[in-house]
Amino acid sequence: MSTASAPSPQPSRRTAGRGSETRSGEQVRGRSLLARWGKWLVSGPPLLYLLVFFAAPTLIMVLASFRTPGEFGGLAPLIEEGKLDLNIDSYARFFTESIYAEIFLKSVWYALLTTLCCLTLAYPLAVLIARAGKRYRNVLLLLVILPFWSNFLIRIYAWMIILGPQAALARGVNGILTALGHEPVPLLFSSFAVLVCLVYVHLPFMVLPLYANLEKHDQALLDAAQDLGANRWQRFWRITFPLSLPGVYAGAALVFIPALGIFAIPDILGGPDDSLIGNVIKQQFLETRDWPFGSVLSIVLTVAALVLAGSAAWMGRRNLGTPSSSGASRA
C-alpha cells in the first residue's frame, strides 16, 4: 500500500512573500506619489503667482519695448497696413541719448550710498540686538520693525516736517553755518533729504539679515581667539566680520535693489536735479505716455536688479568656502 507524500509548504510561503512584496511596493509607490503631489501642492501656488504676476507682465513689457508709441500715447497697433510693426527704436534711443545713462548711473550712486550708510548704521545695531539678553532682544526687534506698521507715504511726509525750513533741525544746522560764516542751506527738496529718507526707509532691511546671521555665531570662537591673544579689533575683523558676510550680502541686496528703482522719495523730498531712473519710468508711462521707451527703461532696471541679486547670492555662497570663513570656523 502506497502512502501519499505530504504537500510541500514552500509554494504557499513563496506566494505570501510575493504578496507582501507587492503590498510593500504599492505602499512605497503610494508614498512617493503622495510626496510628489505634496510638493506640487506646496510649491504650486507660489509658482503660479510668479507666473501670473511676474513672468507674464515681464513678457508683455518685453513685447511692448519693440513696438511703436501711439499717436496719442500708449502703443500703436501691432499690425499696421498688413505688416507687423516691431522695431528697436526705443533701445536705440536709450543707448544713443546719454542723459538716460547718466540718470541710471546717478540712481546706482544713490543706491550705493544708501547701502553703505545702512550697513554702517545697521551693523552695530544688529550686534547689539544679537548680544542682548532674551528679555530685551524681542523689544529691540520690535522697535526695528515698528516703522512697517505705518504707511510708507505717511513716513515720507513726516520727513517733510522734520526737514522743513521752520523745523528745529533746519534752524540748528543753519544757525551753525551762519555762525561759521556760511550761507544757510535748505535741507528739504535736496539730495540730502533724499539720501536721509532712503536710509531711513531701507535700514530695517539691513538690520534683520545681519541680526539673523550674527545670532548664530558661536561665542566659543571669540573666547578661543581671546585666549590666543587676539584683541577686540582682531577678533572682529578675523572672526565676526568674515562669518557675517552672508548677512552683509543679503542685506546689501535687499537695500540696493529697491533703492535703485524707487521714485516716491525723490518725487516728494527731492529737488529738480534729484530725479532717478524710477522717476523717469513713471514719467514715461503716466505723463509722456511713451510706453515702449518706458518698457525699455523697466527692462534695463529689471536686468540690473537680477544681476545684482544673482551676484549677491553667488558671493554669499562663495564666501562660505573661503579660507577666511573656514579659518574662522577652526579658530
Protein backbone atom coordinates (compact mmCIF):
# COMPACT_ATOMS: atom_id res chain seq x y z
CA MET A 1 0.00 0.00 0.00
CA SER A 2 1.48 3.26 -1.11
CA THR A 3 1.43 6.29 1.11
CA ALA A 4 0.84 9.74 -0.45
CA SER A 5 3.57 12.26 0.36
CA ALA A 6 2.51 15.44 2.19
CA PRO A 7 2.45 18.61 0.01
CA SER A 8 5.40 20.92 0.42
CA PRO A 9 4.56 24.19 2.20
CA GLN A 10 7.14 26.13 0.21
CA PRO A 11 4.81 27.37 -2.60
CA SER A 12 2.42 28.96 -0.11
CA ARG A 13 5.31 30.71 1.63
CA ARG A 14 6.59 31.98 -1.69
CA THR A 15 3.13 33.22 -2.59
CA ALA A 16 2.82 35.00 0.77
CA GLY A 17 6.25 36.54 0.30
CA ARG A 18 5.34 37.77 -3.16
CA GLY A 19 2.10 39.22 -1.80
CA SER A 20 3.89 41.08 0.98
CA GLU A 21 6.47 42.38 -1.50
CA THR A 22 3.66 43.56 -3.79
CA ARG A 23 1.92 45.33 -0.93
CA SER A 24 5.15 46.96 0.24
CA GLY A 25 5.92 48.05 -3.35
CA GLU A 26 2.45 49.57 -3.67
CA GLN A 27 2.92 51.37 -0.36
CA VAL A 28 6.27 52.78 -1.50
CA ARG A 29 4.78 53.93 -4.81
CA GLY A 30 1.83 55.45 -2.97
CA ARG A 31 4.11 57.32 -0.60
CA SER A 32 6.27 58.61 -3.43
CA LEU A 33 3.17 59.71 -5.35
CA LEU A 34 1.81 61.42 -2.23
CA ALA A 35 5.17 63.14 -1.64
CA ARG A 36 5.26 64.29 -5.26
CA TRP A 37 1.73 65.70 -5.08
CA GLY A 38 2.54 67.24 -1.71
CA LYS A 39 5.49 69.11 -3.22
CA TRP A 40 3.31 70.44 -6.03
CA LEU A 41 0.58 71.48 -3.58
CA VAL A 42 3.16 73.42 -1.56
CA SER A 43 5.17 74.94 -4.42
CA GLY A 44 2.35 75.22 -6.96
CA PRO A 45 0.54 78.35 -5.65
CA PRO A 46 3.74 80.44 -5.30
CA LEU A 47 4.90 79.28 -8.74
CA LEU A 48 1.52 80.15 -10.26
CA TYR A 49 1.64 83.54 -8.55
CA LEU A 50 5.08 84.26 -10.02
CA LEU A 51 3.99 83.16 -13.49
CA VAL A 52 0.84 85.29 -13.47
CA PHE A 53 2.11 88.43 -11.74
CA PHE A 54 5.81 88.45 -12.72
CA ALA A 55 6.59 86.34 -15.78
CA ALA A 56 3.51 87.31 -17.81
CA PRO A 57 3.83 91.10 -17.18
CA THR A 58 7.54 90.85 -17.97
CA LEU A 59 6.80 89.20 -21.32
CA ILE A 60 4.19 91.87 -22.07
CA MET A 61 6.74 94.56 -21.20
CA VAL A 62 9.37 92.96 -23.45
CA LEU A 63 6.90 92.84 -26.33
CA ALA A 64 5.87 96.47 -25.70
CA SER A 65 9.53 97.58 -25.83
CA PHE A 66 9.69 96.58 -29.52
CA ARG A 67 6.53 98.42 -30.51
CA THR A 68 5.87 101.98 -31.64
CA PRO A 69 4.28 104.61 -29.39
CA GLY A 70 0.74 105.53 -30.31
CA GLU A 71 -0.24 108.88 -31.77
CA PHE A 72 -1.91 109.91 -28.51
CA GLY A 73 0.28 107.82 -26.24
CA GLY A 74 0.25 104.17 -25.32
CA LEU A 75 1.01 101.69 -28.08
CA ALA A 76 0.39 101.86 -31.80
CA PRO A 77 -1.43 98.94 -33.45
CA LEU A 78 0.72 95.83 -33.62
CA ILE A 79 -0.20 95.20 -37.27
CA GLU A 80 -0.04 98.31 -39.44
CA GLU A 81 -1.11 98.05 -43.10
CA GLY A 82 -0.75 94.29 -43.05
CA LYS A 83 2.77 94.42 -41.57
CA LEU A 84 3.98 93.53 -38.11
CA ASP A 85 5.11 96.80 -36.51
CA LEU A 86 8.13 95.81 -34.39
CA ASN A 87 11.36 97.80 -34.12
CA ILE A 88 14.29 98.58 -31.83
CA ASP A 89 13.92 102.37 -31.92
CA SER A 90 13.39 102.62 -28.17
CA TYR A 91 16.53 100.60 -27.44
CA ALA A 92 18.50 102.78 -29.87
CA ARG A 93 17.20 105.86 -28.07
CA PHE A 94 18.37 104.57 -24.70
CA PHE A 95 21.88 103.75 -25.91
CA THR A 96 22.34 106.90 -28.01
CA GLU A 97 20.97 109.57 -25.64
CA SER A 98 23.48 109.86 -22.82
CA ILE A 99 21.10 111.59 -20.41
CA TYR A 100 19.38 108.32 -19.57
CA ALA A 101 22.66 106.57 -18.90
CA GLU A 102 23.61 109.47 -16.61
CA ILE A 103 20.33 109.19 -14.72
CA PHE A 104 20.81 105.44 -14.39
CA LEU A 105 24.35 105.91 -13.04
CA LYS A 106 23.06 108.56 -10.63
CA SER A 107 20.46 106.06 -9.41
CA VAL A 108 23.21 103.49 -8.90
CA TRP A 109 25.21 106.06 -6.93
CA TYR A 110 22.26 106.90 -4.67
CA ALA A 111 21.55 103.21 -4.11
CA LEU A 112 25.20 102.53 -3.33
CA LEU A 113 25.39 105.40 -0.83
CA THR A 114 22.17 104.20 0.77
CA THR A 115 23.56 100.67 1.09
CA LEU A 116 26.82 101.85 2.65
CA CYS A 117 25.05 104.15 5.11
CA CYS A 118 22.61 101.40 6.06
CA LEU A 119 25.48 98.95 6.59
CA THR A 120 27.36 101.45 8.76
CA LEU A 121 24.31 102.11 10.93
CA ALA A 122 22.84 98.61 10.93
CA TYR A 123 25.90 96.55 11.83
CA PRO A 124 26.40 97.95 15.37
CA LEU A 125 22.66 97.78 15.97
CA ALA A 126 22.49 94.16 14.79
CA VAL A 127 25.42 93.24 17.03
CA LEU A 128 23.71 94.94 19.97
CA ILE A 129 20.47 93.03 19.37
CA ALA A 130 22.24 89.70 18.84
CA ARG A 131 24.20 90.05 22.08
CA ALA A 132 21.33 91.42 24.15
CA GLY A 133 19.53 89.23 26.64
CA LYS A 134 16.38 87.43 25.57
CA ARG A 135 14.34 89.80 27.70
CA TYR A 136 15.41 92.86 25.67
CA ARG A 137 16.05 91.18 22.31
CA ASN A 138 12.40 90.92 21.33
CA VAL A 139 11.78 94.53 22.34
CA LEU A 140 14.68 95.73 20.20
CA LEU A 141 13.48 93.69 17.22
CA LEU A 142 10.01 95.14 17.68
CA LEU A 143 11.45 98.65 17.56
CA VAL A 144 13.27 97.78 14.31
CA ILE A 145 10.12 96.58 12.53
CA LEU A 146 7.82 99.16 14.15
CA PRO A 147 8.03 101.61 11.19
CA PHE A 148 6.44 98.96 8.95
CA TRP A 149 3.22 99.37 10.92
CA SER A 150 2.62 102.81 9.41
CA ASN A 151 2.02 103.76 5.80
CA PHE A 152 5.04 104.34 3.59
CA LEU A 153 3.85 107.73 2.30
CA ILE A 154 2.97 108.93 5.80
CA ARG A 155 6.54 108.26 6.90
CA ILE A 156 7.89 110.22 3.93
CA TYR A 157 5.62 113.18 4.63
CA ALA A 158 6.78 113.07 8.25
CA TRP A 159 10.30 113.77 6.99
CA MET A 160 8.95 116.87 5.22
CA ILE A 161 8.03 118.21 8.64
CA ILE A 162 11.36 117.17 10.19
CA LEU A 163 13.44 118.73 7.41
CA GLY A 164 11.20 121.75 6.80
CA PRO A 165 12.68 125.27 6.93
CA GLN A 166 10.88 126.04 10.20
CA ALA A 167 11.84 122.77 11.88
CA ALA A 168 14.29 122.66 14.77
CA LEU A 169 16.80 120.60 12.76
CA ALA A 170 16.98 123.10 9.89
CA ARG A 171 17.22 126.03 12.27
CA GLY A 172 20.02 124.37 14.25
CA VAL A 173 22.05 123.43 11.16
CA ASN A 174 21.63 126.83 9.52
CA GLY A 175 22.40 128.58 12.80
CA ILE A 176 25.73 126.73 13.00
CA LEU A 177 26.50 127.51 9.35
CA THR A 178 25.69 131.20 9.84
CA ALA A 179 27.91 131.35 12.92
CA LEU A 180 30.75 129.88 10.85
CA GLY A 181 30.23 132.46 8.11
CA HIS A 182 28.45 130.23 5.58
CA GLU A 183 25.15 130.71 3.80
CA PRO A 184 22.10 128.80 5.09
CA VAL A 185 21.24 125.68 3.12
CA PRO A 186 17.80 124.16 2.53
CA LEU A 187 17.52 120.64 3.94
CA LEU A 188 14.19 119.93 2.26
CA PHE A 189 13.92 119.35 -1.51
CA SER A 190 17.59 118.46 -1.74
CA SER A 191 19.86 115.46 -2.30
CA PHE A 192 20.44 115.36 1.45
CA ALA A 193 16.73 114.85 2.13
CA VAL A 194 16.52 112.09 -0.48
CA LEU A 195 19.51 110.22 0.94
CA VAL A 196 18.37 110.56 4.56
CA CYS A 197 14.90 109.23 3.77
CA LEU A 198 16.31 106.40 1.63
CA VAL A 199 18.47 105.29 4.55
CA TYR A 200 15.57 105.60 6.99
CA VAL A 201 13.21 103.53 4.82
CA HIS A 202 15.68 100.74 4.00
CA LEU A 203 17.56 100.46 7.31
CA PRO A 204 15.40 97.60 8.71
CA PHE A 205 16.13 95.53 5.58
CA MET A 206 19.82 95.64 6.50
CA VAL A 207 19.37 95.10 10.24
CA LEU A 208 17.27 91.94 10.05
CA PRO A 209 19.59 89.80 7.82
CA LEU A 210 22.61 90.89 9.84
CA TYR A 211 20.88 90.01 13.10
CA ALA A 212 19.80 86.62 11.74
CA ASN A 213 23.43 85.89 10.86
CA LEU A 214 25.11 87.31 13.97
CA GLU A 215 22.75 85.49 16.30
CA LYS A 216 24.09 82.13 15.06
CA HIS A 217 27.77 82.89 15.76
CA ASP A 218 29.46 80.60 18.27
CA GLN A 219 30.76 82.60 21.22
CA ALA A 220 33.37 79.91 21.80
CA LEU A 221 35.23 81.10 18.69
CA LEU A 222 35.67 84.58 20.16
CA ASP A 223 36.66 83.14 23.54
CA ALA A 224 39.27 80.92 21.89
CA ALA A 225 40.69 83.85 19.93
CA GLN A 226 40.85 85.91 23.11
CA ASP A 227 42.71 83.11 24.88
CA LEU A 228 45.20 83.08 21.98
CA GLY A 229 45.93 86.77 22.49
CA ALA A 230 43.69 88.45 19.90
CA ASN A 231 42.35 91.84 20.92
CA ARG A 232 38.79 93.00 20.28
CA TRP A 233 39.63 94.60 16.92
CA GLN A 234 41.37 91.45 15.69
CA ARG A 235 38.52 89.23 16.88
CA PHE A 236 36.05 91.35 14.95
CA TRP A 237 37.93 91.51 11.63
CA ARG A 238 39.22 87.92 11.65
CA ILE A 239 36.19 86.10 13.07
CA THR A 240 32.97 88.11 13.42
CA PHE A 241 33.04 90.06 10.17
CA PRO A 242 34.06 87.15 7.85
CA LEU A 243 31.34 84.96 9.34
CA SER A 244 28.77 87.74 8.92
CA LEU A 245 29.48 88.33 5.21
CA PRO A 246 26.47 86.25 4.02
CA GLY A 247 24.24 88.53 6.10
CA VAL A 248 26.04 91.58 4.68
CA TYR A 249 25.46 90.38 1.10
CA ALA A 250 21.81 89.58 1.77
CA GLY A 251 21.19 92.94 3.43
CA ALA A 252 23.03 94.79 0.65
CA ALA A 253 20.83 93.13 -1.97
CA LEU A 254 17.65 93.89 0.00
CA VAL A 255 18.65 97.56 0.28
CA PHE A 256 20.35 98.25 -3.05
CA ILE A 257 17.73 96.73 -5.36
CA PRO A 258 14.63 98.62 -4.08
CA ALA A 259 16.66 101.82 -3.61
CA LEU A 260 17.73 101.59 -7.25
CA GLY A 261 14.19 101.79 -8.61
CA ILE A 262 12.40 103.90 -6.00
CA PHE A 263 10.56 107.01 -7.20
CA ALA A 264 8.30 108.23 -4.37
CA ILE A 265 11.07 109.64 -2.18
CA PRO A 266 12.78 111.71 -4.93
CA ASP A 267 9.35 112.90 -6.08
CA ILE A 268 8.34 114.17 -2.63
CA LEU A 269 11.62 115.18 -0.97
CA GLY A 270 13.98 115.76 -3.90
CA GLY A 271 14.72 118.82 -5.96
CA PRO A 272 14.63 119.25 -9.75
CA ASP A 273 18.05 117.61 -10.13
CA ASP A 274 17.26 114.58 -7.98
CA SER A 275 15.19 112.54 -10.44
CA LEU A 276 16.22 108.89 -10.53
CA ILE A 277 15.54 106.13 -13.04
CA GLY A 278 12.30 105.22 -11.27
CA ASN A 279 11.01 108.77 -11.74
CA VAL A 280 11.85 108.65 -15.46
CA ILE A 281 9.98 105.34 -15.84
CA LYS A 282 6.95 106.78 -14.08
CA GLN A 283 7.12 109.86 -16.28
CA GLN A 284 7.28 107.79 -19.48
CA PHE A 285 4.21 105.73 -18.54
CA LEU A 286 1.98 108.34 -16.86
CA GLU A 287 2.98 111.74 -18.28
CA THR A 288 4.75 111.35 -21.63
CA ARG A 289 2.85 108.10 -22.29
CA ASP A 290 5.73 106.66 -24.28
CA TRP A 291 5.12 103.08 -23.22
CA PRO A 292 7.75 101.41 -25.45
CA PHE A 293 10.56 103.57 -24.06
CA GLY A 294 9.23 103.16 -20.53
CA SER A 295 9.30 99.41 -21.09
CA VAL A 296 12.94 99.62 -22.21
CA LEU A 297 13.89 101.50 -19.06
CA SER A 298 12.00 98.98 -16.94
CA ILE A 299 13.76 96.07 -18.65
CA VAL A 300 17.18 97.66 -18.08
CA LEU A 301 16.30 98.19 -14.41
CA THR A 302 14.99 94.63 -14.04
CA VAL A 303 18.09 93.11 -15.65
CA ALA A 304 20.34 95.21 -13.41
CA ALA A 305 18.39 94.12 -10.33
CA LEU A 306 18.55 90.44 -11.32
CA VAL A 307 22.29 90.66 -11.98
CA LEU A 308 22.88 92.29 -8.62
CA ALA A 309 20.71 89.77 -6.79
CA GLY A 310 22.49 86.88 -8.51
CA SER A 311 25.89 88.39 -7.72
CA ALA A 312 24.97 88.82 -4.05
CA ALA A 313 23.75 85.21 -3.84
CA TRP A 314 26.90 83.92 -5.58
CA MET A 315 29.19 85.93 -3.33
CA GLY A 316 27.30 84.73 -0.26
CA ARG A 317 27.68 81.07 -1.28
CA ARG A 318 31.30 81.58 -2.32
CA ASN A 319 32.14 83.21 0.99
CA LEU A 320 31.05 80.10 2.87
CA GLY A 321 34.00 78.26 1.35
CA THR A 322 36.65 80.97 1.52
CA PRO A 323 39.76 80.44 3.61
CA SER A 324 38.81 83.31 5.91
CA SER A 325 35.50 81.72 6.79
CA SER A 326 36.92 78.24 7.21
CA GLY A 327 39.80 79.63 9.19
CA ALA A 328 37.42 81.49 11.46
CA SER A 329 35.46 78.30 11.98
CA ARG A 330 38.63 76.50 13.02
CA ALA A 331 39.87 79.31 15.28
